[in-house]
Protein backbone atom coordinates (compact mmCIF):
# COMPACT_ATOMS: atom_id res chain seq x y z
CA UNK A 1 57.21 3.66 -18.78
CA UNK A 2 55.43 3.91 -15.44
CA UNK A 3 54.65 0.55 -13.82
CA UNK A 4 52.94 1.89 -10.69
CA UNK A 5 52.56 4.98 -8.56
CA UNK A 6 52.32 5.03 -4.78
CA UNK A 7 51.69 7.96 -2.46
CA UNK A 8 52.60 7.60 1.21
CA UNK A 9 50.45 10.10 3.11
CA UNK A 10 52.35 9.69 6.39
CA UNK A 11 55.67 10.84 4.93
CA UNK A 12 54.24 12.82 1.97
CA UNK A 13 56.29 11.00 -0.66
CA UNK A 14 55.09 10.14 -4.17
CA UNK A 15 56.91 7.11 -5.54
CA UNK A 16 56.86 6.26 -9.24
CA UNK A 17 58.09 2.79 -10.21
CA UNK A 18 59.44 2.59 -13.75
CA UNK A 19 61.10 -0.82 -13.58
CA UNK A 20 60.93 -3.67 -11.10
CA UNK A 21 64.21 -4.59 -9.48
CA UNK A 22 66.80 -3.62 -6.90
CA UNK A 23 68.00 -0.06 -6.42
CA UNK A 24 71.79 0.26 -6.58
CA UNK A 25 72.17 4.05 -6.53
CA UNK A 26 70.09 7.14 -5.82
CA UNK A 27 70.83 10.58 -7.21
CA UNK A 28 69.40 13.95 -6.27
CA UNK A 29 67.82 15.34 -9.44
CA UNK A 30 66.31 18.48 -7.92
CA UNK A 31 65.07 19.73 -4.57
CA UNK A 32 62.92 16.92 -3.16
CA UNK A 33 63.32 14.73 -6.29
CA UNK A 34 65.39 11.56 -6.16
CA UNK A 35 66.09 9.20 -9.06
CA UNK A 36 66.76 5.57 -8.19
CA UNK A 37 68.97 3.56 -10.54
CA UNK A 38 69.71 -0.13 -11.02
CA UNK A 39 73.21 -1.57 -11.48
CA UNK A 40 73.18 -0.67 -15.19
CA UNK A 41 72.21 2.96 -14.62
CA UNK A 42 68.59 2.45 -15.69
CA UNK A 43 65.90 4.38 -13.84
CA UNK A 44 64.05 2.09 -11.43
CA UNK A 45 62.01 4.70 -9.63
CA UNK A 46 61.47 8.34 -8.82
CA UNK A 47 60.77 9.68 -5.33
CA UNK A 48 59.19 13.09 -4.90
CA UNK A 49 59.36 14.32 -1.33
CA UNK A 50 56.90 16.91 0.00
CA UNK A 51 54.62 15.69 -2.79
CA UNK A 52 51.57 17.54 -1.52
CA UNK A 53 53.35 20.87 -2.05
CA UNK A 54 55.49 19.90 -5.05
CA UNK A 55 52.93 17.95 -7.10
CA UNK A 56 49.41 17.65 -5.73
CA UNK A 57 48.73 21.35 -5.07
CA UNK A 58 50.16 22.41 -8.44
CA UNK A 59 48.26 19.71 -10.29
CA UNK A 60 45.01 20.69 -8.57
CA UNK A 61 45.55 24.32 -9.63
CA UNK A 62 46.11 23.34 -13.27
CA UNK A 63 43.05 21.08 -13.33
CA UNK A 64 40.91 23.75 -11.69
CA UNK A 65 42.06 26.40 -14.18
CA UNK A 66 41.36 24.16 -17.18
CA UNK A 67 37.91 23.25 -15.86
CA UNK A 68 37.07 26.94 -15.37
CA UNK A 69 38.22 27.64 -18.95
CA UNK A 70 36.03 24.82 -20.28
CA UNK A 71 33.01 26.05 -18.34
CA UNK A 72 33.54 29.58 -19.70
CA UNK A 73 33.82 28.30 -23.30
CA UNK A 74 30.63 26.23 -23.09
CA UNK A 75 28.48 29.03 -21.63
C-alpha cells in the first residue's frame, strides 16, 4: 500500500513510501529502480531515478493516447 509519493525535481527522483520506518537495505531492482527494505525484508520505499524519462514521459504518452481515443469515440 502506498503511504505517500514524493518527486524531487532537482535530482529527478520519484520516491514512493510504502511503510514508515528505517531503511536497513537497498536493492537494485532494475535500471534506475531501487527497493528499500526494513530489517525484516519488508518494502519500505521505492526510488525511481531519472523519473522524468522513466515514468513521467511514458505516463503522459499513455494518458494522451487514451484521451485521443475517448475523443474519437465520442465524436
